[in-house]
Amino acid sequence: MTAPTATAAQTASALAWARRRSSVARFWRSYRTHRAGLFGLGALAVIALVALAAPLLAGSDVQSVTNAPGAALESPSAQFPLGTDQFGRSLLGLLVWGARISLTVGLMAAALSVAIGTLVGIVAGHFGGWFSTVIMRITDWFLVMPTLVLAIVLATVMSRSVWTVILAIGVTTWPTTARLVRAQTLAVESRPYIERATALGGGHGHIMTRHVLPNVMPLVLAQTTLGISNAILTEATLAFLGLGDPDVVSWGGMLQDAREAGAVSSGHWWYLAPPGIAIALVALAFTLCGRAVESVLNPKLGVSNR
């Protein structure tokens, strides 16, 4: 590569990065106008920091049953602000550790679901014809089937682990994303520059990756933020039904332990309330962030800034 050519390539790369930084800055300026979105983002930042600092905040032996520091089902006190479980373990420590699993499962399951839906949607929208018809009929079948039932079946027949829960959620919740991405792909491919790219020799892979994918990414980003809350709720449901990993602590697993310990009938509210409130708070925070992202990326939605 000659010196002028190398200089031109570096200049083009610098301009591309400058445009990306400008786009991110515009996105953040618009996002900051949504107070609900800022509240959700702040709540998620705090919860993420707590999850990352779990070994420092709660200790590494908080999950131990044999070395539990308290008595069974103690009510909230100065030593145990949220009380203890049926083994005498601190519920506050378990809640902190449970944030790790719940957030990890929510993020990874939503990412898997959106990745599958994006791939299916772009391929179906790009190729069309009988191929698209077959793919969309399969998508419709997944769409009308109860997602939770399919996830329960997968989690039952496979080994009980965190990865099984992630896979069960991811492969059952992608149809909505696929339909949205397919519709957006059809709209993008009807534009003149796609015809010009095809006339200049652009192949299927070039069109889908260089032209269609960048244009559907805003929709994918918004769908991801909204899907995380659903994934966390589904993980909590599976854990509550006893289909989660028994070797890890999650908020849904804490609710399952509370049910088995008879917390509902015996009135031990401190065993039920903290994980339930944590699940609701995280789901609400991701939903608020998702609505704000949708409004920024698609102002036609008319979502309120408050």
C-alpha atoms as a PDB file:
ATOM      1  CA  MET A   1       0.000   0.000   0.000  1.00  0.00           C
ATOM      2  CA  THR A   2       1.446   3.353  -1.077  1.00  0.00           C
ATOM      3  CA  ALA A   3       1.738   6.287   1.281  1.00  0.00           C
ATOM      4  CA  PRO A   4      -1.129   8.343  -0.249  1.00  0.00           C
ATOM      5  CA  THR A   5      -3.400   5.312  -0.173  1.00  0.00           C
ATOM      6  CA  ALA A   6      -2.530   4.570   3.470  1.00  0.00           C
ATOM      7  CA  THR A   7      -3.142   8.213   4.395  1.00  0.00           C
ATOM      8  CA  ALA A   8      -6.526   8.184   2.664  1.00  0.00           C
ATOM      9  CA  ALA A   9      -7.512   4.976   4.491  1.00  0.00           C
ATOM     10  CA  GLN A  10      -6.508   6.472   7.843  1.00  0.00           C
ATOM     11  CA  THR A  11      -8.482   9.631   7.075  1.00  0.00           C
ATOM     12  CA  ALA A  12     -11.577   7.611   6.169  1.00  0.00           C
ATOM     13  CA  SER A  13     -11.232   5.578   9.363  1.00  0.00           C
ATOM     14  CA  ALA A  14     -10.857   8.735  11.441  1.00  0.00           C
ATOM     15  CA  LEU A  15     -13.944  10.250   9.833  1.00  0.00           C
ATOM     16  CA  ALA A  16     -15.925   7.076  10.492  1.00  0.00           C
ATOM     17  CA  TRP A  17     -14.955   7.080  14.169  1.00  0.00           C
ATOM     18  CA  ALA A  18     -15.771  10.778  14.413  1.00  0.00           C
ATOM     19  CA  ARG A  19     -19.263  10.126  13.024  1.00  0.00           C
ATOM     20  CA  ARG A  20     -19.763   7.285  15.506  1.00  0.00           C
ATOM     21  CA  ARG A  21     -18.723   9.488  18.434  1.00  0.00           C
ATOM     22  CA  SER A  22     -21.047  12.222  17.201  1.00  0.00           C
ATOM     23  CA  SER A  23     -23.924   9.724  16.949  1.00  0.00           C
ATOM     24  CA  VAL A  24     -23.293   8.472  20.486  1.00  0.00           C
ATOM     25  CA  ALA A  25     -23.188  12.059  21.773  1.00  0.00           C
ATOM     26  CA  ARG A  26     -26.496  12.885  20.055  1.00  0.00           C
ATOM     27  CA  PHE A  27     -28.041   9.724  21.451  1.00  0.00           C
ATOM     28  CA  TRP A  28     -26.969  10.593  25.000  1.00  0.00           C
ATOM     29  CA  ARG A  29     -28.223  14.182  24.704  1.00  0.00           C
ATOM     30  CA  SER A  30     -31.634  12.884  23.639  1.00  0.00           C
ATOM     31  CA  TYR A  31     -31.640  10.120  26.249  1.00  0.00           C
ATOM     32  CA  ARG A  32     -30.940  12.592  29.062  1.00  0.00           C
ATOM     33  CA  THR A  33     -34.233  14.348  28.347  1.00  0.00           C
ATOM     34  CA  HIS A  34     -36.141  11.237  29.489  1.00  0.00           C
ATOM     35  CA  ARG A  35     -36.320  11.358  33.272  1.00  0.00           C
ATOM     36  CA  ALA A  36     -37.838   7.900  33.568  1.00  0.00           C
ATOM     37  CA  GLY A  37     -35.042   6.487  31.423  1.00  0.00           C
ATOM     38  CA  LEU A  38     -32.426   8.179  33.603  1.00  0.00           C
ATOM     39  CA  PHE A  39     -34.064   6.736  36.717  1.00  0.00           C
ATOM     40  CA  GLY A  40     -33.976   3.247  35.174  1.00  0.00           C
ATOM     41  CA  LEU A  41     -30.363   3.655  34.084  1.00  0.00           C
ATOM     42  CA  GLY A  42     -29.331   4.875  37.534  1.00  0.00           C
ATOM     43  CA  ALA A  43     -31.102   1.974  39.253  1.00  0.00           C
ATOM     44  CA  LEU A  44     -29.437  -0.517  36.920  1.00  0.00           C
ATOM     45  CA  ALA A  45     -26.028   1.042  37.527  1.00  0.00           C
ATOM     46  CA  VAL A  46     -26.444   0.694  41.298  1.00  0.00           C
ATOM     47  CA  ILE A  47     -27.674  -2.898  41.044  1.00  0.00           C
ATOM     48  CA  ALA A  48     -24.838  -3.819  38.667  1.00  0.00           C
ATOM     49  CA  LEU A  49     -22.245  -2.340  41.037  1.00  0.00           C
ATOM     50  CA  VAL A  50     -23.764  -4.244  43.958  1.00  0.00           C
ATOM     51  CA  ALA A  51     -23.657  -7.479  41.943  1.00  0.00           C
ATOM     52  CA  LEU A  52     -20.027  -6.944  40.940  1.00  0.00           C
ATOM     53  CA  ALA A  53     -19.029  -6.134  44.521  1.00  0.00           C
ATOM     54  CA  ALA A  54     -20.926  -9.105  46.016  1.00  0.00           C
ATOM     55  CA  PRO A  55     -17.779 -10.808  47.434  1.00  0.00           C
ATOM     56  CA  LEU A  56     -16.835  -7.575  49.212  1.00  0.00           C
ATOM     57  CA  LEU A  57     -20.311  -6.633  50.413  1.00  0.00           C
ATOM     58  CA  ALA A  58     -21.655 -10.015  51.463  1.00  0.00           C
ATOM     59  CA  GLY A  59     -18.611 -12.280  51.708  1.00  0.00           C
ATOM     60  CA  SER A  60     -17.894 -15.468  49.809  1.00  0.00           C
ATOM     61  CA  ASP A  61     -19.339 -17.864  52.432  1.00  0.00           C
ATOM     62  CA  VAL A  62     -22.822 -16.344  52.661  1.00  0.00           C
ATOM     63  CA  GLN A  63     -24.294 -19.279  50.694  1.00  0.00           C
ATOM     64  CA  SER A  64     -22.919 -21.882  53.106  1.00  0.00           C
ATOM     65  CA  VAL A  65     -25.607 -23.886  54.901  1.00  0.00           C
ATOM     66  CA  THR A  66     -23.296 -25.469  57.472  1.00  0.00           C
ATOM     67  CA  ASN A  67     -21.694 -22.185  58.593  1.00  0.00           C
ATOM     68  CA  ALA A  68     -24.856 -20.086  58.719  1.00  0.00           C
ATOM     69  CA  PRO A  69     -24.392 -17.243  61.253  1.00  0.00           C
ATOM     70  CA  GLY A  70     -27.992 -17.012  62.476  1.00  0.00           C
ATOM     71  CA  ALA A  71     -30.969 -19.072  63.534  1.00  0.00           C
ATOM     72  CA  ALA A  72     -33.647 -20.237  61.128  1.00  0.00           C
ATOM     73  CA  LEU A  73     -36.168 -17.644  59.959  1.00  0.00           C
ATOM     74  CA  GLU A  74     -35.040 -14.784  62.187  1.00  0.00           C
ATOM     75  CA  SER A  75     -36.963 -11.552  61.665  1.00  0.00           C
ATOM     76  CA  PRO A  76     -35.108  -8.398  60.496  1.00  0.00           C
ATOM     77  CA  SER A  77     -32.691  -7.044  63.081  1.00  0.00           C
ATOM     78  CA  ALA A  78     -29.538  -4.951  63.366  1.00  0.00           C
ATOM     79  CA  GLN A  79     -27.393  -8.015  62.652  1.00  0.00           C
ATOM     80  CA  PHE A  80     -29.603  -9.271  59.813  1.00  0.00           C
ATOM     81  CA  PRO A  81     -31.366  -6.266  58.198  1.00  0.00           C
ATOM     82  CA  LEU A  82     -33.553  -8.510  56.022  1.00  0.00           C
ATOM     83  CA  GLY A  83     -33.750 -11.478  58.401  1.00  0.00           C
ATOM     84  CA  THR A  84     -32.554 -15.041  57.728  1.00  0.00           C
ATOM     85  CA  ASP A  85     -33.749 -17.991  55.679  1.00  0.00           C
ATOM     86  CA  GLN A  86     -34.674 -21.475  56.902  1.00  0.00           C
ATOM     87  CA  PHE A  87     -30.957 -22.329  57.260  1.00  0.00           C
ATOM     88  CA  GLY A  88     -30.024 -19.183  59.182  1.00  0.00           C
ATOM     89  CA  ARG A  89     -28.277 -17.470  56.245  1.00  0.00           C
ATOM     90  CA  SER A  90     -28.490 -13.694  55.863  1.00  0.00           C
ATOM     91  CA  LEU A  91     -31.163 -12.805  53.316  1.00  0.00           C
ATOM     92  CA  LEU A  92     -29.391  -9.540  52.536  1.00  0.00           C
ATOM     93  CA  GLY A  93     -26.251 -11.433  51.542  1.00  0.00           C
ATOM     94  CA  LEU A  94     -28.261 -13.911  49.468  1.00  0.00           C
ATOM     95  CA  LEU A  95     -30.069 -11.021  47.780  1.00  0.00           C
ATOM     96  CA  VAL A  96     -26.751  -9.433  46.809  1.00  0.00           C
ATOM     97  CA  TRP A  97     -25.378 -12.687  45.407  1.00  0.00           C
ATOM     98  CA  GLY A  98     -28.647 -13.437  43.641  1.00  0.00           C
ATOM     99  CA  ALA A  99     -28.316 -10.218  41.648  1.00  0.00           C
ATOM    100  CA  ARG A 100     -25.363 -11.748  39.814  1.00  0.00           C
ATOM    101  CA  ILE A 101     -27.270 -14.754  38.497  1.00  0.00           C
ATOM    102  CA  SER A 102     -30.467 -12.874  37.707  1.00  0.00           C
ATOM    103  CA  LEU A 103     -28.665 -10.133  35.763  1.00  0.00           C
ATOM    104  CA  THR A 104     -26.381 -12.614  33.983  1.00  0.00           C
ATOM    105  CA  VAL A 105     -29.266 -14.811  32.890  1.00  0.00           C
ATOM    106  CA  GLY A 106     -31.346 -11.803  31.837  1.00  0.00           C
ATOM    107  CA  LEU A 107     -28.574 -10.243  29.748  1.00  0.00           C
ATOM    108  CA  MET A 108     -27.347 -13.430  28.082  1.00  0.00           C
ATOM    109  CA  ALA A 109     -30.794 -14.874  27.428  1.00  0.00           C
ATOM    110  CA  ALA A 110     -31.979 -11.597  25.905  1.00  0.00           C
ATOM    111  CA  ALA A 111     -28.826 -11.387  23.777  1.00  0.00           C
ATOM    112  CA  LEU A 112     -29.342 -14.951  22.514  1.00  0.00           C
ATOM    113  CA  SER A 113     -33.014 -14.318  21.795  1.00  0.00           C
ATOM    114  CA  VAL A 114     -32.345 -11.074  19.912  1.00  0.00           C
ATOM    115  CA  ALA A 115     -29.458 -12.632  17.964  1.00  0.00           C
ATOM    116  CA  ILE A 116     -31.671 -15.491  16.759  1.00  0.00           C
ATOM    117  CA  GLY A 117     -34.564 -13.156  15.964  1.00  0.00           C
ATOM    118  CA  THR A 118     -32.324 -10.705  14.086  1.00  0.00           C
ATOM    119  CA  LEU A 119     -30.754 -13.455  11.973  1.00  0.00           C
ATOM    120  CA  VAL A 120     -34.113 -15.026  11.126  1.00  0.00           C
ATOM    121  CA  GLY A 121     -35.741 -11.654  10.412  1.00  0.00           C
ATOM    122  CA  ILE A 122     -32.992 -10.363   8.109  1.00  0.00           C
ATOM    123  CA  VAL A 123     -32.699 -13.631   6.176  1.00  0.00           C
ATOM    124  CA  ALA A 124     -36.471 -13.950   5.755  1.00  0.00           C
ATOM    125  CA  GLY A 125     -36.882 -10.323   4.703  1.00  0.00           C
ATOM    126  CA  HIS A 126     -33.934 -10.356   2.307  1.00  0.00           C
ATOM    127  CA  PHE A 127     -34.591 -13.555   0.365  1.00  0.00           C
ATOM    128  CA  GLY A 128     -38.408 -13.537   0.354  1.00  0.00           C
ATOM    129  CA  GLY A 129     -40.407 -16.041  -1.691  1.00  0.00           C
ATOM    130  CA  TRP A 130     -41.171 -19.552  -0.498  1.00  0.00           C
ATOM    131  CA  PHE A 131     -38.092 -19.535   1.738  1.00  0.00           C
ATOM    132  CA  SER A 132     -39.404 -16.548   3.692  1.00  0.00           C
ATOM    133  CA  THR A 133     -42.868 -18.120   3.866  1.00  0.00           C
ATOM    134  CA  VAL A 134     -41.513 -21.329   5.424  1.00  0.00           C
ATOM    135  CA  ILE A 135     -39.376 -19.434   7.945  1.00  0.00           C
ATOM    136  CA  MET A 136     -42.223 -17.159   8.980  1.00  0.00           C
ATOM    137  CA  ARG A 137     -44.648 -20.067   9.401  1.00  0.00           C
ATOM    138  CA  ILE A 138     -42.121 -21.647  11.780  1.00  0.00           C
ATOM    139  CA  THR A 139     -41.850 -18.286  13.531  1.00  0.00           C
ATOM    140  CA  ASP A 140     -45.627 -18.086  13.832  1.00  0.00           C
ATOM    141  CA  TRP A 141     -45.683 -21.553  15.407  1.00  0.00           C
ATOM    142  CA  PHE A 142     -43.226 -20.439  18.077  1.00  0.00           C
ATOM    143  CA  LEU A 143     -45.156 -17.204  18.478  1.00  0.00           C
ATOM    144  CA  VAL A 144     -48.510 -18.839  19.268  1.00  0.00           C
ATOM    145  CA  MET A 145     -47.015 -21.480  21.562  1.00  0.00           C
ATOM    146  CA  PRO A 146     -46.856 -20.439  25.248  1.00  0.00           C
ATOM    147  CA  THR A 147     -43.288 -19.273  25.797  1.00  0.00           C
ATOM    148  CA  LEU A 148     -43.205 -20.304  29.439  1.00  0.00           C
ATOM    149  CA  VAL A 149     -44.453 -23.812  28.630  1.00  0.00           C
ATOM    150  CA  LEU A 150     -41.731 -24.312  26.000  1.00  0.00           C
ATOM    151  CA  ALA A 151     -39.093 -22.989  28.403  1.00  0.00           C
ATOM    152  CA  ILE A 152     -40.321 -25.343  31.132  1.00  0.00           C
ATOM    153  CA  VAL A 153     -40.127 -28.317  28.729  1.00  0.00           C
ATOM    154  CA  LEU A 154     -36.555 -27.463  27.716  1.00  0.00           C
ATOM    155  CA  ALA A 155     -35.467 -26.817  31.289  1.00  0.00           C
ATOM    156  CA  THR A 156     -37.009 -30.135  32.348  1.00  0.00           C
ATOM    157  CA  VAL A 157     -35.443 -32.392  29.714  1.00  0.00           C
ATOM    158  CA  MET A 158     -31.976 -30.802  29.968  1.00  0.00           C
ATOM    159  CA  SER A 159     -29.572 -30.757  32.890  1.00  0.00           C
ATOM    160  CA  ARG A 160     -30.337 -28.180  35.565  1.00  0.00           C
ATOM    161  CA  SER A 161     -27.825 -25.368  35.162  1.00  0.00           C
ATOM    162  CA  VAL A 162     -27.640 -21.656  34.493  1.00  0.00           C
ATOM    163  CA  TRP A 163     -26.755 -22.312  30.846  1.00  0.00           C
ATOM    164  CA  THR A 164     -29.839 -24.488  30.450  1.00  0.00           C
ATOM    165  CA  VAL A 165     -32.040 -21.641  31.720  1.00  0.00           C
ATOM    166  CA  ILE A 166     -30.333 -19.178  29.353  1.00  0.00           C
ATOM    167  CA  LEU A 167     -30.813 -21.536  26.407  1.00  0.00           C
ATOM    168  CA  ALA A 168     -34.419 -22.306  27.337  1.00  0.00           C
ATOM    169  CA  ILE A 169     -35.317 -18.617  27.473  1.00  0.00           C
ATOM    170  CA  GLY A 170     -33.286 -17.599  24.431  1.00  0.00           C
ATOM    171  CA  VAL A 171     -34.653 -20.200  21.994  1.00  0.00           C
ATOM    172  CA  THR A 172     -38.289 -19.600  22.958  1.00  0.00           C
ATOM    173  CA  THR A 173     -38.541 -15.790  22.970  1.00  0.00           C
ATOM    174  CA  TRP A 174     -37.069 -14.797  19.580  1.00  0.00           C
ATOM    175  CA  PRO A 175     -40.200 -14.779  17.320  1.00  0.00           C
ATOM    176  CA  THR A 176     -41.308 -11.234  18.219  1.00  0.00           C
ATOM    177  CA  THR A 177     -37.872  -9.857  17.340  1.00  0.00           C
ATOM    178  CA  ALA A 178     -37.840 -11.861  14.105  1.00  0.00           C
ATOM    179  CA  ARG A 179     -41.135 -10.376  12.952  1.00  0.00           C
ATOM    180  CA  LEU A 180     -40.103  -6.806  13.800  1.00  0.00           C
ATOM    181  CA  VAL A 181     -36.706  -7.168  12.103  1.00  0.00           C
ATOM    182  CA  ARG A 182     -38.258  -8.751   8.989  1.00  0.00           C
ATOM    183  CA  ALA A 183     -40.660  -5.822   8.622  1.00  0.00           C
ATOM    184  CA  GLN A 184     -37.794  -3.347   9.018  1.00  0.00           C
ATOM    185  CA  THR A 185     -35.673  -5.324   6.531  1.00  0.00           C
ATOM    186  CA  LEU A 186     -38.423  -5.139   3.913  1.00  0.00           C
ATOM    187  CA  ALA A 187     -38.642  -1.368   4.434  1.00  0.00           C
ATOM    188  CA  VAL A 188     -34.867  -0.927   4.140  1.00  0.00           C
ATOM    189  CA  GLU A 189     -34.528  -3.067   1.014  1.00  0.00           C
ATOM    190  CA  SER A 190     -37.180  -1.014  -0.775  1.00  0.00           C
ATOM    191  CA  ARG A 191     -34.912   2.033  -0.731  1.00  0.00           C
ATOM    192  CA  PRO A 192     -33.034   3.125  -3.879  1.00  0.00           C
ATOM    193  CA  TYR A 193     -29.518   2.748  -2.511  1.00  0.00           C
ATOM    194  CA  ILE A 194     -30.103  -0.995  -2.057  1.00  0.00           C
ATOM    195  CA  GLU A 195     -30.914  -1.250  -5.773  1.00  0.00           C
ATOM    196  CA  ARG A 196     -27.740   0.677  -6.597  1.00  0.00           C
ATOM    197  CA  ALA A 197     -25.643  -1.577  -4.352  1.00  0.00           C
ATOM    198  CA  THR A 198     -27.117  -4.655  -6.056  1.00  0.00           C
ATOM    199  CA  ALA A 199     -26.499  -3.194  -9.522  1.00  0.00           C
ATOM    200  CA  LEU A 200     -22.872  -2.531  -8.599  1.00  0.00           C
ATOM    201  CA  GLY A 201     -22.372  -6.201  -7.797  1.00  0.00           C
ATOM    202  CA  GLY A 202     -23.132  -6.362  -4.068  1.00  0.00           C
ATOM    203  CA  GLY A 203     -23.908  -9.936  -3.036  1.00  0.00           C
ATOM    204  CA  HIS A 204     -26.415 -11.188  -0.489  1.00  0.00           C
ATOM    205  CA  GLY A 205     -23.906 -11.117   2.352  1.00  0.00           C
ATOM    206  CA  HIS A 206     -22.780  -7.576   1.497  1.00  0.00           C
ATOM    207  CA  ILE A 207     -26.343  -6.262   1.327  1.00  0.00           C
ATOM    208  CA  MET A 208     -27.416  -7.904   4.601  1.00  0.00           C
ATOM    209  CA  THR A 209     -24.334  -7.043   6.662  1.00  0.00           C
ATOM    210  CA  ARG A 210     -23.326  -3.636   5.263  1.00  0.00           C
ATOM    211  CA  HIS A 211     -26.705  -2.093   4.484  1.00  0.00           C
ATOM    212  CA  VAL A 212     -29.575  -3.909   6.198  1.00  0.00           C
ATOM    213  CA  LEU A 213     -27.997  -4.773   9.557  1.00  0.00           C
ATOM    214  CA  PRO A 214     -26.835  -1.207  10.424  1.00  0.00           C
ATOM    215  CA  ASN A 215     -30.330   0.084   9.673  1.00  0.00           C
ATOM    216  CA  VAL A 216     -32.094  -2.478  11.876  1.00  0.00           C
ATOM    217  CA  MET A 217     -29.637  -2.154  14.776  1.00  0.00           C
ATOM    218  CA  PRO A 218     -31.582   0.660  16.515  1.00  0.00           C
ATOM    219  CA  LEU A 219     -34.631  -1.606  16.569  1.00  0.00           C
ATOM    220  CA  VAL A 220     -32.500  -4.507  17.799  1.00  0.00           C
ATOM    221  CA  LEU A 221     -31.025  -2.365  20.597  1.00  0.00           C
ATOM    222  CA  ALA A 222     -34.441  -1.260  21.791  1.00  0.00           C
ATOM    223  CA  GLN A 223     -35.762  -4.819  21.618  1.00  0.00           C
ATOM    224  CA  THR A 224     -32.785  -6.058  23.655  1.00  0.00           C
ATOM    225  CA  THR A 225     -33.371  -3.639  26.515  1.00  0.00           C
ATOM    226  CA  LEU A 226     -37.043  -4.572  26.618  1.00  0.00           C
ATOM    227  CA  GLY A 227     -36.280  -8.294  26.347  1.00  0.00           C
ATOM    228  CA  ILE A 228     -33.938  -8.330  29.339  1.00  0.00           C
ATOM    229  CA  SER A 229     -36.771  -7.602  31.772  1.00  0.00           C
ATOM    230  CA  ASN A 230     -38.842 -10.439  30.302  1.00  0.00           C
ATOM    231  CA  ALA A 231     -35.848 -12.786  30.525  1.00  0.00           C
ATOM    232  CA  ILE A 232     -35.301 -11.930  34.201  1.00  0.00           C
ATOM    233  CA  LEU A 233     -38.967 -12.555  34.977  1.00  0.00           C
ATOM    234  CA  THR A 234     -38.882 -15.872  33.097  1.00  0.00           C
ATOM    235  CA  GLU A 235     -35.722 -16.941  34.930  1.00  0.00           C
ATOM    236  CA  ALA A 236     -37.379 -16.114  38.244  1.00  0.00           C
ATOM    237  CA  THR A 237     -40.424 -18.152  37.229  1.00  0.00           C
ATOM    238  CA  LEU A 238     -38.334 -21.174  36.230  1.00  0.00           C
ATOM    239  CA  ALA A 239     -36.334 -20.961  39.455  1.00  0.00           C
ATOM    240  CA  PHE A 240     -39.542 -20.612  41.474  1.00  0.00           C
ATOM    241  CA  LEU A 241     -40.824 -23.795  39.821  1.00  0.00           C
ATOM    242  CA  GLY A 242     -37.643 -25.607  40.875  1.00  0.00           C
ATOM    243  CA  LEU A 243     -36.129 -25.734  37.370  1.00  0.00           C
ATOM    244  CA  GLY A 244     -33.143 -23.483  38.052  1.00  0.00           C
ATOM    245  CA  ASP A 245     -29.611 -24.410  39.050  1.00  0.00           C
ATOM    246  CA  PRO A 246     -29.739 -25.658  42.667  1.00  0.00           C
ATOM    247  CA  ASP A 247     -26.056 -24.826  43.195  1.00  0.00           C
ATOM    248  CA  VAL A 248     -26.436 -21.061  42.714  1.00  0.00           C
ATOM    249  CA  VAL A 249     -28.487 -18.381  44.421  1.00  0.00           C
ATOM    250  CA  SER A 250     -30.964 -16.376  42.352  1.00  0.00           C
ATOM    251  CA  TRP A 251     -33.930 -14.228  43.275  1.00  0.00           C
ATOM    252  CA  GLY A 252     -36.357 -16.749  41.827  1.00  0.00           C
ATOM    253  CA  GLY A 253     -34.602 -19.511  43.751  1.00  0.00           C
ATOM    254  CA  MET A 254     -35.011 -17.508  46.956  1.00  0.00           C
ATOM    255  CA  LEU A 255     -38.751 -17.327  46.342  1.00  0.00           C
ATOM    256  CA  GLN A 256     -38.804 -21.089  45.757  1.00  0.00           C
ATOM    257  CA  ASP A 257     -36.944 -21.666  49.051  1.00  0.00           C
ATOM    258  CA  ALA A 258     -39.393 -19.364  50.836  1.00  0.00           C
ATOM    259  CA  ARG A 259     -42.344 -21.327  49.478  1.00  0.00           C
ATOM    260  CA  GLU A 260     -40.811 -24.638  50.534  1.00  0.00           C
ATOM    261  CA  ALA A 261     -40.096 -23.219  53.993  1.00  0.00           C
ATOM    262  CA  GLY A 262     -43.765 -22.272  54.400  1.00  0.00           C
ATOM    263  CA  ALA A 263     -43.105 -18.532  54.506  1.00  0.00           C
ATOM    264  CA  VAL A 264     -46.457 -17.794  52.906  1.00  0.00           C
ATOM    265  CA  SER A 265     -48.593 -19.625  55.457  1.00  0.00           C
ATOM    266  CA  SER A 266     -46.443 -18.754  58.478  1.00  0.00           C
ATOM    267  CA  GLY A 267     -46.320 -15.025  57.738  1.00  0.00           C
ATOM    268  CA  HIS A 268     -42.545 -14.692  57.280  1.00  0.00           C
ATOM    269  CA  TRP A 269     -42.927 -11.718  54.958  1.00  0.00           C
ATOM    270  CA  TRP A 270     -39.235 -10.774  55.131  1.00  0.00           C
ATOM    271  CA  TYR A 271     -38.402 -14.005  53.296  1.00  0.00           C
ATOM    272  CA  LEU A 272     -40.742 -13.255  50.386  1.00  0.00           C
ATOM    273  CA  ALA A 273     -40.651  -9.481  49.977  1.00  0.00           C
ATOM    274  CA  PRO A 274     -36.950  -8.696  49.236  1.00  0.00           C
ATOM    275  CA  PRO A 275     -36.438 -10.993  46.209  1.00  0.00           C
ATOM    276  CA  GLY A 276     -39.875 -10.143  44.844  1.00  0.00           C
ATOM    277  CA  ILE A 277     -39.224  -6.399  45.127  1.00  0.00           C
ATOM    278  CA  ALA A 278     -35.760  -6.830  43.577  1.00  0.00           C
ATOM    279  CA  ILE A 279     -37.202  -8.682  40.568  1.00  0.00           C
ATOM    280  CA  ALA A 280     -39.890  -6.046  40.087  1.00  0.00           C
ATOM    281  CA  LEU A 281     -37.392  -3.173  40.423  1.00  0.00           C
ATOM    282  CA  VAL A 282     -34.941  -4.589  37.874  1.00  0.00           C
ATOM    283  CA  ALA A 283     -37.722  -5.426  35.417  1.00  0.00           C
ATOM    284  CA  LEU A 284     -39.123  -1.897  35.792  1.00  0.00           C
ATOM    285  CA  ALA A 285     -35.682  -0.322  35.349  1.00  0.00           C
ATOM    286  CA  PHE A 286     -34.976  -2.222  32.118  1.00  0.00           C
ATOM    287  CA  THR A 287     -38.459  -1.397  30.831  1.00  0.00           C
ATOM    288  CA  LEU A 288     -37.951   2.311  31.498  1.00  0.00           C
ATOM    289  CA  CYS A 289     -34.584   2.216  29.749  1.00  0.00           C
ATOM    290  CA  GLY A 290     -36.090   0.327  26.816  1.00  0.00           C
ATOM    291  CA  ARG A 291     -38.918   2.838  26.401  1.00  0.00           C
ATOM    292  CA  ALA A 292     -36.449   5.732  26.508  1.00  0.00           C
ATOM    293  CA  VAL A 293     -34.188   4.059  23.925  1.00  0.00           C
ATOM    294  CA  GLU A 294     -37.207   3.427  21.680  1.00  0.00           C
ATOM    295  CA  SER A 295     -38.227   7.058  21.927  1.00  0.00           C
ATOM    296  CA  VAL A 296     -34.728   8.316  21.106  1.00  0.00           C
ATOM    297  CA  LEU A 297     -34.190   5.991  18.159  1.00  0.00           C
ATOM    298  CA  ASN A 298     -37.736   6.365  16.819  1.00  0.00           C
ATOM    299  CA  PRO A 299     -39.193   9.771  17.800  1.00  0.00           C
ATOM    300  CA  LYS A 300     -42.410   8.940  15.900  1.00  0.00           C
ATOM    301  CA  LEU A 301     -43.409   6.699  18.815  1.00  0.00           C
ATOM    302  CA  GLY A 302     -44.150   9.811  20.823  1.00  0.00           C
ATOM    303  CA  VAL A 303     -43.050   8.379  24.180  1.00  0.00           C
ATOM    304  CA  SER A 304     -43.236  10.938  26.956  1.00  0.00           C
ATOM    305  CA  ASN A 305     -40.011  12.387  28.396  1.00  0.00           C
ATOM    306  CA  ARG A 306     -41.364  12.155  31.914  1.00  0.00           C
END
